[in-house]
N, C-alpha and C. Protein backbone atom coordinates (compact mmCIF):
# COMPACT_ATOMS: atom_id res chain seq x y z
N UNK A 1 -15.85 184.25 152.33
CA UNK A 1 -14.69 184.10 153.02
C UNK A 1 -14.23 182.52 152.97
N UNK A 2 -13.07 182.09 152.88
CA UNK A 2 -12.47 181.09 152.79
C UNK A 2 -13.12 179.95 153.65
N UNK A 3 -13.39 178.78 153.74
CA UNK A 3 -13.54 177.62 154.76
C UNK A 3 -12.54 177.62 155.33
N UNK A 4 -12.46 177.24 156.59
CA UNK A 4 -11.40 176.97 157.84
C UNK A 4 -11.01 175.52 157.26
N UNK A 5 -10.11 175.09 157.45
CA UNK A 5 -9.78 173.60 157.23
C UNK A 5 -10.01 172.79 158.54
N UNK A 6 -9.78 173.45 159.37
CA UNK A 6 -10.00 172.88 161.29
C UNK A 6 -11.30 172.95 161.29
N UNK A 7 -12.20 173.36 160.60
CA UNK A 7 -13.90 173.48 161.00
C UNK A 7 -14.52 172.32 160.32
N UNK A 8 -14.42 171.07 160.67
CA UNK A 8 -15.17 169.86 160.03
C UNK A 8 -16.33 169.39 161.27
N UNK A 9 -17.22 168.87 160.52
CA UNK A 9 -18.68 168.58 161.31
C UNK A 9 -18.71 166.97 161.58
N UNK A 10 -17.61 166.06 160.92
CA UNK A 10 -17.79 165.06 160.84
C UNK A 10 -16.16 164.15 160.68
N UNK A 11 -16.01 162.89 161.28
CA UNK A 11 -14.81 162.27 161.50
C UNK A 11 -15.05 161.28 160.70
N UNK A 12 -14.44 160.55 159.69
CA UNK A 12 -14.37 158.76 159.49
C UNK A 12 -13.70 158.33 161.11
N UNK A 13 -14.15 157.39 161.46
CA UNK A 13 -13.72 157.12 162.96
C UNK A 13 -14.11 155.70 163.39
N UNK A 14 -13.01 155.24 164.24
CA UNK A 14 -13.07 153.55 164.59
C UNK A 14 -12.75 153.66 166.03
N UNK A 15 -13.19 152.54 166.83
CA UNK A 15 -12.32 152.21 168.21
C UNK A 15 -11.45 151.03 167.88
N UNK A 16 -10.61 151.40 168.56
CA UNK A 16 -9.27 149.97 168.34
C UNK A 16 -8.05 149.96 169.84
N UNK A 17 -7.64 149.20 169.90
CA UNK A 17 -6.36 149.11 170.71
C UNK A 17 -5.20 148.60 169.70
N UNK A 18 -4.59 150.06 169.86
CA UNK A 18 -3.53 150.04 169.27
C UNK A 18 -2.06 149.04 169.64
N UNK A 19 -1.68 148.27 168.73
CA UNK A 19 -0.65 147.11 168.80
C UNK A 19 1.01 147.67 168.84
N UNK A 20 1.11 148.97 167.93
CA UNK A 20 2.48 149.03 167.70
C UNK A 20 3.27 149.26 169.21
N UNK A 21 2.51 149.89 170.23
CA UNK A 21 3.48 150.01 171.57
C UNK A 21 3.92 148.69 172.04
N UNK A 22 2.83 147.84 171.88
CA UNK A 22 3.36 146.56 172.78
C UNK A 22 3.92 145.42 172.06
N UNK A 23 3.57 145.63 170.76
CA UNK A 23 4.21 144.68 169.58
C UNK A 23 5.28 145.31 168.75
N UNK A 24 5.92 146.41 169.33
CA UNK A 24 6.85 146.90 168.40
C UNK A 24 7.90 146.36 167.96
N UNK A 25 8.58 145.36 168.16
CA UNK A 25 9.67 144.59 167.76
C UNK A 25 9.07 143.49 166.78
N UNK A 26 8.04 143.17 167.54
CA UNK A 26 7.86 141.40 166.87
C UNK A 26 6.87 142.24 165.29
N UNK A 27 6.63 143.24 165.30
CA UNK A 27 5.34 144.06 164.07
C UNK A 27 6.61 144.62 162.87
N UNK A 28 7.79 145.13 163.57
CA UNK A 28 8.38 145.66 162.79
C UNK A 28 9.56 145.18 162.49
N UNK A 29 10.11 143.88 162.80
CA UNK A 29 11.24 143.14 162.09
C UNK A 29 10.41 141.99 161.37
N UNK A 30 9.09 141.72 161.61
CA UNK A 30 8.38 141.00 160.73
C UNK A 30 7.96 141.61 159.05
N UNK A 31 7.64 142.76 159.49
CA UNK A 31 6.86 143.47 158.42
C UNK A 31 8.07 144.39 157.31
N UNK A 32 9.25 144.49 158.13
CA UNK A 32 10.75 144.87 157.59
C UNK A 32 11.12 143.83 156.93
N UNK A 33 11.00 142.39 157.25
CA UNK A 33 11.77 141.23 156.34
C UNK A 33 10.73 140.86 155.42
N UNK A 34 9.10 141.09 155.71
CA UNK A 34 8.37 140.43 154.21
C UNK A 34 8.27 141.85 153.56
N UNK A 35 8.14 142.65 153.56
CA UNK A 35 8.29 143.73 152.88
C UNK A 35 9.33 143.45 151.49
N UNK A 36 10.65 143.51 152.12
CA UNK A 36 11.69 142.68 151.23
C UNK A 36 11.35 141.46 150.29
N UNK A 37 10.85 140.69 150.95
CA UNK A 37 10.83 139.33 150.10
C UNK A 37 8.96 139.21 149.50
N UNK A 38 8.46 140.15 149.69
CA UNK A 38 6.99 140.07 149.15
C UNK A 38 7.04 141.77 148.69
N UNK A 39 7.37 141.80 147.50
CA UNK A 39 7.37 143.22 147.29
C UNK A 39 5.72 143.65 146.13
N UNK A 40 4.89 143.02 146.21
CA UNK A 40 3.75 143.01 145.46
C UNK A 40 2.76 143.30 146.74
N UNK A 41 2.87 143.92 147.92
CA UNK A 41 1.77 144.13 148.83
C UNK A 41 2.44 145.40 149.47
N UNK A 42 1.25 146.18 149.41
CA UNK A 42 1.29 147.62 150.29
C UNK A 42 1.35 147.02 152.05
N UNK A 43 2.38 146.84 152.54
CA UNK A 43 2.93 146.71 154.12
C UNK A 43 2.18 148.09 155.12
N UNK A 44 1.56 147.65 156.09
CA UNK A 44 1.09 148.80 157.03
C UNK A 44 2.52 148.99 157.93
N UNK A 45 2.51 150.16 157.81
CA UNK A 45 3.68 150.44 158.90
C UNK A 45 3.31 150.19 160.29
N UNK A 46 4.25 149.93 160.93
CA UNK A 46 4.36 148.55 162.52
C UNK A 46 3.33 149.87 163.25
N UNK A 47 3.82 151.48 163.14
CA UNK A 47 2.84 152.11 164.25
C UNK A 47 1.52 152.28 163.83
N UNK A 48 0.72 151.90 162.88
CA UNK A 48 -0.46 152.12 162.70
C UNK A 48 -1.38 150.60 162.83
N UNK A 49 -0.53 149.83 163.12
CA UNK A 49 -1.17 148.45 163.54
C UNK A 49 -2.17 148.43 164.76
N UNK A 50 -2.95 148.30 164.51
CA UNK A 50 -4.08 147.99 165.59
C UNK A 50 -5.46 146.83 165.44
N UNK A 51 -5.99 146.79 166.60
CA UNK A 51 -7.05 145.76 166.48
C UNK A 51 -8.13 146.23 166.74
N UNK A 52 -8.95 146.29 165.30
CA UNK A 52 -10.36 146.79 165.39
C UNK A 52 -11.62 146.66 166.08
N UNK A 53 -12.16 147.39 166.88
CA UNK A 53 -13.61 146.75 167.98
C UNK A 53 -14.37 147.10 167.46
N UNK A 54 -14.37 148.49 166.81
CA UNK A 54 -15.62 149.11 166.21
C UNK A 54 -15.39 149.86 164.95
N UNK A 55 -15.91 149.71 163.97
CA UNK A 55 -15.75 150.91 162.64
C UNK A 55 -17.24 151.48 162.60
N UNK A 56 -16.95 152.91 162.56
CA UNK A 56 -18.57 153.77 162.42
C UNK A 56 -18.49 154.20 161.30
N UNK A 57 -17.73 154.62 160.38
CA UNK A 57 -17.86 155.54 158.90
C UNK A 57 -17.89 156.71 159.86
N UNK A 58 -18.61 157.73 158.68
CA UNK A 58 -18.46 159.00 159.24
C UNK A 58 -19.39 159.16 160.49
N UNK A 59 -18.82 159.70 161.45
CA UNK A 59 -20.20 160.26 162.78
C UNK A 59 -19.97 161.69 162.46
N UNK A 60 -20.80 162.55 163.56
CA UNK A 60 -20.77 164.02 164.08
C UNK A 60 -19.76 164.19 164.95
N UNK A 61 -19.58 165.48 165.50
CA UNK A 61 -18.64 165.77 166.23
C UNK A 61 -19.31 165.74 167.29
N UNK A 62 -21.12 165.69 167.40
CA UNK A 62 -21.81 165.57 168.44
C UNK A 62 -21.58 164.08 168.94
N UNK A 63 -21.88 163.17 168.16
CA UNK A 63 -21.35 161.63 167.95
C UNK A 63 -20.04 161.33 168.90
N UNK A 64 -19.36 162.05 168.66
CA UNK A 64 -17.74 161.71 168.98
C UNK A 64 -17.76 161.95 170.77
N UNK A 65 -18.59 163.11 171.14
CA UNK A 65 -18.75 163.41 171.93
C UNK A 65 -19.24 162.25 173.30
N UNK A 66 -20.83 161.84 172.30
CA UNK A 66 -21.11 160.77 173.20
C UNK A 66 -20.81 159.18 173.05
N UNK A 67 -20.13 159.02 172.14
CA UNK A 67 -19.59 157.85 172.23
C UNK A 67 -18.26 157.86 173.52
N UNK A 68 -17.19 159.48 173.23
CA UNK A 68 -16.55 159.07 174.44
C UNK A 68 -17.04 158.83 175.82
N UNK A 69 -17.85 159.82 176.36
CA UNK A 69 -18.41 159.29 177.51
C UNK A 69 -19.10 158.31 177.74
N UNK A 70 -19.39 157.40 177.20
CA UNK A 70 -19.76 155.89 176.92
C UNK A 70 -18.73 155.08 177.21
N UNK A 71 -17.43 155.46 176.24
CA UNK A 71 -16.15 154.38 176.43
C UNK A 71 -15.26 154.74 177.70
N UNK A 72 -15.68 155.99 178.14
CA UNK A 72 -15.03 155.81 179.64
C UNK A 72 -15.68 155.04 180.74
N UNK A 73 -16.80 155.05 180.33
CA UNK A 73 -17.45 153.93 181.52
C UNK A 73 -16.90 152.82 181.27
N UNK A 74 -17.34 152.04 179.87
CA UNK A 74 -16.67 150.91 179.35
C UNK A 74 -15.35 150.53 179.97
N UNK A 75 -14.56 151.79 179.92
CA UNK A 75 -13.24 151.41 180.38
C UNK A 75 -12.58 151.24 181.85
N UNK A 76 -13.99 151.79 182.52
CA UNK A 76 -13.82 151.49 183.91
C UNK A 76 -13.95 150.10 184.53
N UNK A 77 -14.86 149.62 183.37
CA UNK A 77 -15.07 148.04 183.82
C UNK A 77 -14.55 147.05 183.52
N UNK A 78 -13.16 147.21 182.88
CA UNK A 78 -12.21 146.48 182.44
C UNK A 78 -10.75 146.66 182.45
N UNK A 79 -9.72 145.56 183.20
CA UNK A 79 -8.51 145.82 183.40
C UNK A 79 -7.84 145.39 182.09
N UNK A 80 -6.34 145.59 181.89
CA UNK A 80 -5.65 145.25 180.71
C UNK A 80 -5.81 143.91 180.53
N UNK A 81 -5.51 143.95 179.01
CA UNK A 81 -6.00 142.67 178.37
C UNK A 81 -4.55 142.34 178.13
N UNK A 82 -4.39 140.57 178.30
CA UNK A 82 -3.51 139.81 177.76
C UNK A 82 -3.09 139.11 176.60
N UNK A 83 -2.75 140.05 175.64
CA UNK A 83 -2.45 139.43 174.07
C UNK A 83 -1.20 138.54 173.77
N UNK A 84 -1.67 137.99 172.69
CA UNK A 84 -0.69 137.48 171.87
C UNK A 84 -1.01 137.71 170.00
N UNK A 85 0.18 137.91 169.25
CA UNK A 85 -0.26 137.95 167.65
C UNK A 85 0.27 136.30 167.44
N UNK A 86 -0.97 135.39 166.63
CA UNK A 86 -0.45 134.03 166.43
C UNK A 86 -0.22 134.06 164.67
N UNK A 87 -1.10 133.35 164.09
CA UNK A 87 -0.80 132.80 162.69
C UNK A 87 -1.47 134.15 161.82
N UNK A 88 -0.93 133.67 160.80
CA UNK A 88 -1.21 134.62 159.28
C UNK A 88 -2.61 133.98 158.92
N UNK A 89 -3.61 134.99 158.46
CA UNK A 89 -4.21 134.62 157.76
C UNK A 89 -4.49 135.68 156.42
N UNK A 90 -5.56 135.57 155.76
CA UNK A 90 -5.52 136.27 154.65
C UNK A 90 -7.46 136.31 154.58
N UNK A 91 -7.94 137.24 153.78
CA UNK A 91 -9.04 137.51 153.13
C UNK A 91 -9.33 137.67 151.84
N UNK A 92 -10.17 136.82 150.81
CA UNK A 92 -10.88 135.81 151.63
C UNK A 92 -10.24 134.78 151.75
N UNK A 93 -9.47 134.81 151.40
CA UNK A 93 -8.67 133.41 152.07
C UNK A 93 -6.99 133.52 151.77
N UNK A 94 -6.22 133.08 152.06
CA UNK A 94 -4.52 132.73 151.73
C UNK A 94 -4.25 132.13 150.33
N UNK A 95 -5.06 131.60 149.39
CA UNK A 95 -4.54 131.05 148.61
C UNK A 95 -4.44 132.37 147.79
N UNK A 96 -5.76 133.18 147.28
CA UNK A 96 -5.52 134.54 146.46
C UNK A 96 -6.19 135.42 147.74
N UNK A 97 -5.21 135.98 148.42
CA UNK A 97 -5.58 137.53 149.35
C UNK A 97 -6.02 138.48 148.93
N UNK A 98 -6.86 139.22 149.23
CA UNK A 98 -7.16 140.47 148.95
C UNK A 98 -5.85 141.57 150.36
N UNK A 99 -6.18 140.66 151.62
CA UNK A 99 -5.65 141.60 152.59
C UNK A 99 -4.76 140.18 153.82
N UNK A 100 -3.89 140.51 154.15
CA UNK A 100 -3.15 139.74 155.21
C UNK A 100 -3.43 140.12 156.56
N UNK A 101 -3.34 139.02 157.23
CA UNK A 101 -4.12 139.35 158.37
C UNK A 101 -2.91 138.68 159.64
N UNK A 102 -2.74 138.98 160.48
CA UNK A 102 -2.30 138.42 162.12
C UNK A 102 -3.33 137.96 162.89
N UNK A 103 -3.89 136.94 163.36
CA UNK A 103 -4.85 136.46 164.35
C UNK A 103 -3.96 137.40 165.77
N UNK A 104 -5.05 137.92 166.60
CA UNK A 104 -4.44 138.39 167.89
C UNK A 104 -5.49 137.19 168.94
N UNK A 105 -4.77 136.53 170.20
CA UNK A 105 -4.96 135.84 170.76
C UNK A 105 -5.31 136.30 172.36
N UNK A 106 -6.39 136.07 172.99
CA UNK A 106 -6.49 136.47 174.56
C UNK A 106 -6.98 135.44 175.26
N UNK A 107 -6.48 134.60 176.14
CA UNK A 107 -6.62 133.49 176.51
C UNK A 107 -8.06 133.03 177.73
N UNK A 108 -8.38 134.36 178.10
CA UNK A 108 -9.40 134.03 178.79
C UNK A 108 -10.55 134.23 178.55
N UNK A 109 -10.58 134.83 177.52
CA UNK A 109 -12.18 135.35 176.80
C UNK A 109 -12.68 136.44 177.40
N UNK A 110 -11.55 137.50 178.11
CA UNK A 110 -11.79 138.73 178.25
C UNK A 110 -12.09 139.75 177.38
N UNK A 111 -11.18 139.41 176.18
CA UNK A 111 -11.13 140.38 175.29
C UNK A 111 -12.81 140.32 174.28
N UNK A 112 -13.31 139.03 174.31
CA UNK A 112 -14.58 138.94 173.79
C UNK A 112 -15.51 139.59 174.39
N UNK A 113 -15.38 139.75 175.77
CA UNK A 113 -16.30 140.00 176.60
C UNK A 113 -16.07 141.84 176.62
N UNK A 114 -15.19 142.46 176.88
CA UNK A 114 -14.80 143.40 176.58
C UNK A 114 -15.09 144.25 175.15
N UNK A 115 -15.39 143.30 173.95
CA UNK A 115 -15.79 144.12 172.83
C UNK A 115 -17.29 143.70 172.76
N UNK A 116 -17.62 142.63 173.20
CA UNK A 116 -19.66 142.69 173.57
C UNK A 116 -20.15 143.91 174.46
N UNK A 117 -19.70 144.31 175.29
CA UNK A 117 -19.52 145.26 176.31
C UNK A 117 -19.73 146.66 175.38
N UNK A 118 -18.68 146.98 174.40
CA UNK A 118 -18.96 148.06 173.84
C UNK A 118 -19.61 148.02 172.82
N UNK A 119 -20.09 147.06 171.66
CA UNK A 119 -21.02 146.57 171.21
C UNK A 119 -22.59 146.95 171.64
N UNK A 120 -22.92 146.58 172.87
CA UNK A 120 -23.66 146.60 173.72
C UNK A 120 -24.50 148.18 173.95
N UNK A 121 -23.22 148.90 174.35
CA UNK A 121 -23.12 150.10 174.42
C UNK A 121 -23.68 151.04 173.19
N UNK A 122 -22.82 150.70 172.11
CA UNK A 122 -23.59 151.38 171.29
C UNK A 122 -24.39 151.38 170.36
N UNK A 123 -24.79 149.81 170.60
CA UNK A 123 -26.15 150.25 170.07
C UNK A 123 -27.22 150.78 170.60
N UNK A 124 -27.45 151.49 171.92
CA UNK A 124 -27.93 152.06 172.53
C UNK A 124 -28.01 153.43 171.82
N UNK A 125 -26.91 153.99 170.93
CA UNK A 125 -26.54 155.17 170.11
C UNK A 125 -26.72 155.18 168.66
N UNK A 126 -27.28 153.48 168.39
CA UNK A 126 -27.99 153.26 167.19
C UNK A 126 -27.13 152.62 166.13
N UNK A 127 -26.09 152.57 166.28
CA UNK A 127 -24.48 151.88 165.91
C UNK A 127 -24.68 150.15 165.71
N UNK A 128 -25.14 149.58 164.56
CA UNK A 128 -25.31 148.33 165.04
C UNK A 128 -23.91 147.69 164.35
N UNK A 129 -23.56 146.55 165.32
CA UNK A 129 -22.14 145.50 164.79
C UNK A 129 -22.35 144.76 163.55
N UNK A 130 -21.35 144.65 162.92
CA UNK A 130 -21.30 143.86 161.70
C UNK A 130 -21.72 142.34 162.17
N UNK A 131 -22.77 141.89 161.14
CA UNK A 131 -23.57 140.57 161.38
C UNK A 131 -22.80 139.71 161.78
N UNK A 132 -21.35 139.57 160.93
CA UNK A 132 -20.33 138.60 160.88
C UNK A 132 -19.63 138.23 162.32
N UNK A 133 -19.25 137.09 162.63
CA UNK A 133 -18.76 136.74 164.11
C UNK A 133 -17.38 137.77 164.56
N UNK A 134 -17.11 138.26 165.25
CA UNK A 134 -15.93 138.82 165.70
C UNK A 134 -14.71 138.27 165.93
N UNK A 135 -13.69 138.66 164.68
CA UNK A 135 -12.00 137.60 164.81
C UNK A 135 -11.47 138.48 165.16
N UNK A 136 -10.56 138.38 166.22
CA UNK A 136 -9.38 139.40 166.59
C UNK A 136 -8.18 139.10 165.63
N UNK A 137 -8.45 140.23 165.06
CA UNK A 137 -6.84 140.50 163.88
C UNK A 137 -6.27 141.68 163.79
N UNK A 138 -4.96 141.91 163.16
CA UNK A 138 -4.51 142.67 162.87
C UNK A 138 -4.13 142.95 161.55
N UNK A 139 -4.68 143.63 160.45
CA UNK A 139 -4.51 143.71 158.96
C UNK A 139 -2.62 144.34 159.24
N UNK A 140 -2.09 143.56 158.19
CA UNK A 140 -0.51 143.69 157.81
C UNK A 140 0.09 144.28 156.34
N UNK A 141 -1.26 143.71 155.85
CA UNK A 141 -1.08 144.34 154.34
C UNK A 141 -1.93 143.88 153.43
N UNK A 142 -1.83 145.39 152.26
CA UNK A 142 -3.27 144.98 151.47
C UNK A 142 -2.38 144.43 149.88
N UNK A 143 -2.68 143.42 149.39
CA UNK A 143 -2.06 142.76 148.10
C UNK A 143 -2.60 143.49 146.95
N UNK A 144 -1.40 143.92 146.16
CA UNK A 144 -1.95 144.83 144.92
C UNK A 144 -1.30 143.44 143.65
N UNK A 145 -0.51 142.60 144.06
CA UNK A 145 -0.11 141.14 143.20
C UNK A 145 0.95 140.56 143.92
N UNK A 146 0.65 139.45 143.93
CA UNK A 146 1.44 138.20 144.46
C UNK A 146 1.60 137.26 143.25
N UNK A 147 2.91 137.00 143.06
CA UNK A 147 3.47 136.19 141.92
C UNK A 147 4.09 135.09 142.87
N UNK A 148 3.75 133.65 142.33
CA UNK A 148 4.39 132.72 142.98
C UNK A 148 3.87 132.07 144.17
N UNK A 149 3.90 131.15 144.94
CA UNK A 149 3.81 130.42 145.85
C UNK A 149 3.75 131.53 147.50
N UNK A 150 2.74 131.46 148.16
CA UNK A 150 2.61 132.22 149.37
C UNK A 150 3.01 131.26 150.55
N UNK A 151 3.15 130.16 150.03
CA UNK A 151 3.58 129.13 151.36
C UNK A 151 4.96 129.32 152.06
N UNK A 152 5.96 129.68 151.03
CA UNK A 152 7.25 129.76 151.74
C UNK A 152 7.36 130.90 153.35
N UNK A 153 6.73 132.02 152.82
CA UNK A 153 6.18 133.10 153.82
C UNK A 153 5.47 132.73 155.10
N UNK A 154 4.55 131.48 154.54
CA UNK A 154 3.54 131.62 156.15
C UNK A 154 4.52 130.30 156.60
N UNK A 155 5.20 129.57 156.43
CA UNK A 155 6.40 128.96 157.15
C UNK A 155 7.10 129.56 157.45
N UNK A 156 7.72 131.04 156.86
CA UNK A 156 8.64 131.77 157.77
C UNK A 156 7.95 132.34 159.06
N UNK A 157 6.42 132.69 158.66
CA UNK A 157 6.08 133.55 159.98
C UNK A 157 5.51 132.41 161.14
N UNK A 158 5.36 131.44 160.83
CA UNK A 158 4.81 130.16 161.40
C UNK A 158 6.12 129.99 162.76
N UNK A 159 7.26 130.53 162.09
CA UNK A 159 8.92 130.22 162.62
C UNK A 159 8.56 131.49 163.73
N UNK A 160 8.19 132.41 163.45
CA UNK A 160 8.48 133.67 164.02
C UNK A 160 6.99 134.03 165.12
N UNK A 161 5.96 133.20 165.01
CA UNK A 161 4.91 133.36 165.77
C UNK A 161 4.39 131.93 166.52
N UNK A 162 3.95 131.93 168.00
CA UNK A 162 3.50 133.22 168.38
C UNK A 162 4.16 134.23 168.92
N UNK A 163 3.74 135.25 169.09
CA UNK A 163 4.93 136.38 169.81
C UNK A 163 4.65 136.09 171.31
N UNK A 164 5.24 136.82 171.93
CA UNK A 164 5.07 136.54 173.54
C UNK A 164 3.85 137.41 174.23
N UNK A 165 3.28 136.79 175.04
CA UNK A 165 2.26 137.57 175.41
C UNK A 165 2.56 138.85 176.09
N UNK A 166 1.98 139.78 175.54
CA UNK A 166 1.96 141.63 176.08
C UNK A 166 0.88 142.18 176.81
N UNK A 167 1.06 143.15 177.31
CA UNK A 167 -0.45 143.26 178.27
C UNK A 167 -0.99 144.93 177.41
N UNK A 168 -2.17 145.00 176.72
CA UNK A 168 -2.52 146.39 176.30
C UNK A 168 -3.28 146.46 177.57
N UNK A 169 -3.30 148.16 177.63
CA UNK A 169 -3.96 148.56 178.72
C UNK A 169 -4.79 149.88 178.49
N UNK A 170 -4.73 150.01 177.16
CA UNK A 170 -5.81 151.20 176.90
C UNK A 170 -6.40 150.48 175.61
N UNK A 171 -7.54 151.18 174.96
CA UNK A 171 -7.94 151.45 173.77
C UNK A 171 -7.98 153.00 173.32
N UNK A 172 -8.49 152.94 172.07
CA UNK A 172 -8.49 154.74 171.45
C UNK A 172 -9.69 154.75 170.42
N UNK A 173 -9.89 155.94 170.55
CA UNK A 173 -10.84 156.50 169.45
C UNK A 173 -10.13 156.86 168.13
N UNK A 174 -9.78 156.22 166.92
CA UNK A 174 -9.22 156.84 166.26
C UNK A 174 -9.73 157.66 164.91
N UNK A 175 -9.46 158.75 164.41
CA UNK A 175 -9.89 159.38 163.17
C UNK A 175 -9.15 158.62 162.09
N UNK A 176 -9.98 158.19 160.63
CA UNK A 176 -9.21 157.77 159.67
C UNK A 176 -8.69 159.10 158.58
N UNK A 177 -7.78 159.11 158.02
CA UNK A 177 -7.61 160.05 156.94
C UNK A 177 -7.15 159.34 156.16
N UNK A 178 -7.33 159.60 154.80
CA UNK A 178 -7.51 159.05 153.48
C UNK A 178 -6.32 160.37 152.69
N UNK A 179 -4.89 159.44 152.45
CA UNK A 179 -4.00 160.01 151.89
C UNK A 179 -3.36 159.55 150.60
N UNK A 180 -2.76 160.10 149.60
CA UNK A 180 -2.07 159.46 148.51
C UNK A 180 -1.62 158.21 148.91
N UNK A 181 -0.72 158.01 149.87
CA UNK A 181 0.45 156.93 150.10
C UNK A 181 -0.76 156.06 150.96
N UNK A 182 -1.75 155.96 151.17
CA UNK A 182 -2.57 155.14 152.29
C UNK A 182 -3.17 155.75 153.15
N UNK A 183 -3.76 155.02 154.36
CA UNK A 183 -4.52 155.52 155.34
C UNK A 183 -3.81 155.86 156.53
N UNK A 184 -4.07 157.12 157.08
CA UNK A 184 -3.32 157.11 158.18
C UNK A 184 -4.40 157.57 159.35
N UNK A 185 -3.70 157.36 160.69
CA UNK A 185 -4.96 157.17 161.66
C UNK A 185 -4.19 158.16 162.76
N UNK A 186 -5.21 158.76 163.15
CA UNK A 186 -5.20 160.04 164.31
C UNK A 186 -6.10 159.29 165.34
N UNK A 187 -5.38 159.41 166.72
CA UNK A 187 -6.21 159.43 167.83
C UNK A 187 -6.66 160.30 168.27
N UNK A 188 -8.06 160.49 168.59
CA UNK A 188 -8.84 161.59 168.73
C UNK A 188 -9.00 161.48 170.57
N UNK A 189 -9.40 160.30 170.83
CA UNK A 189 -9.75 159.84 172.39
C UNK A 189 -8.73 158.42 173.04
N UNK A 190 -8.59 158.78 174.32
CA UNK A 190 -7.91 157.52 174.64
C UNK A 190 -8.44 157.10 175.93
N UNK A 191 -8.32 155.42 176.22
CA UNK A 191 -9.24 155.11 177.27
C UNK A 191 -8.44 154.24 178.12
N UNK A 192 -8.07 154.33 179.40
CA UNK A 192 -7.17 153.65 179.93
C UNK A 192 -8.16 152.62 180.65
N UNK A 193 -7.82 150.73 180.51
CA UNK A 193 -8.71 150.20 181.01
C UNK A 193 -8.40 150.31 182.33
N UNK A 194 -9.00 150.52 183.17
CA UNK A 194 -8.75 150.95 184.89
C UNK A 194 -9.38 150.28 185.65
N UNK A 195 -9.99 149.29 185.71
CA UNK A 195 -10.62 148.21 186.34
C UNK A 195 -10.21 148.18 187.56
N UNK A 196 -10.46 148.50 188.65
CA UNK A 196 -9.39 148.13 190.08
C UNK A 196 -9.89 146.91 190.56
N UNK A 197 -8.93 145.83 190.82
CA UNK A 197 -8.89 144.67 191.01
C UNK A 197 -9.21 144.31 192.52
């Protein structure tokens, strides 16, 4: 009997705050402009832009259900978060970057508290967070080849940022799909940030 393509037992998943809904104009305009001026970069489509909170890798369907139940509890403990996009950064650095990203800022410290609550909850299921410090950012491009000086583009981005502060009212559990043209992200679960003030 042929294998059912919909009968999967594990997914490659991560938790994140989608940013396209709230920063659509800023991301779309910036990425469209940069894609014309820096062709040696595979730019992220604005609809895929997100702030990663925890990357799981491959997890079972049973783990998805356990994560879902615990994240619903966390979501009830936090209200919406006011975020802004700020400066351009690169990994490992901006002189010879492999990854280009924008910093995400939240002025009250609530984002860091929220992410710590997620990390602590997931530790109960055996998921360890990265050892390095959490630096809120959104990947905007993966560098294939850049010729010349990146500084003129840094100056352009500096003029367009920081973006106005906007409110994120939910986070999601994404499934990552590997496709020939790059990764695509499918929302599996949505968690409204619904703490009553």
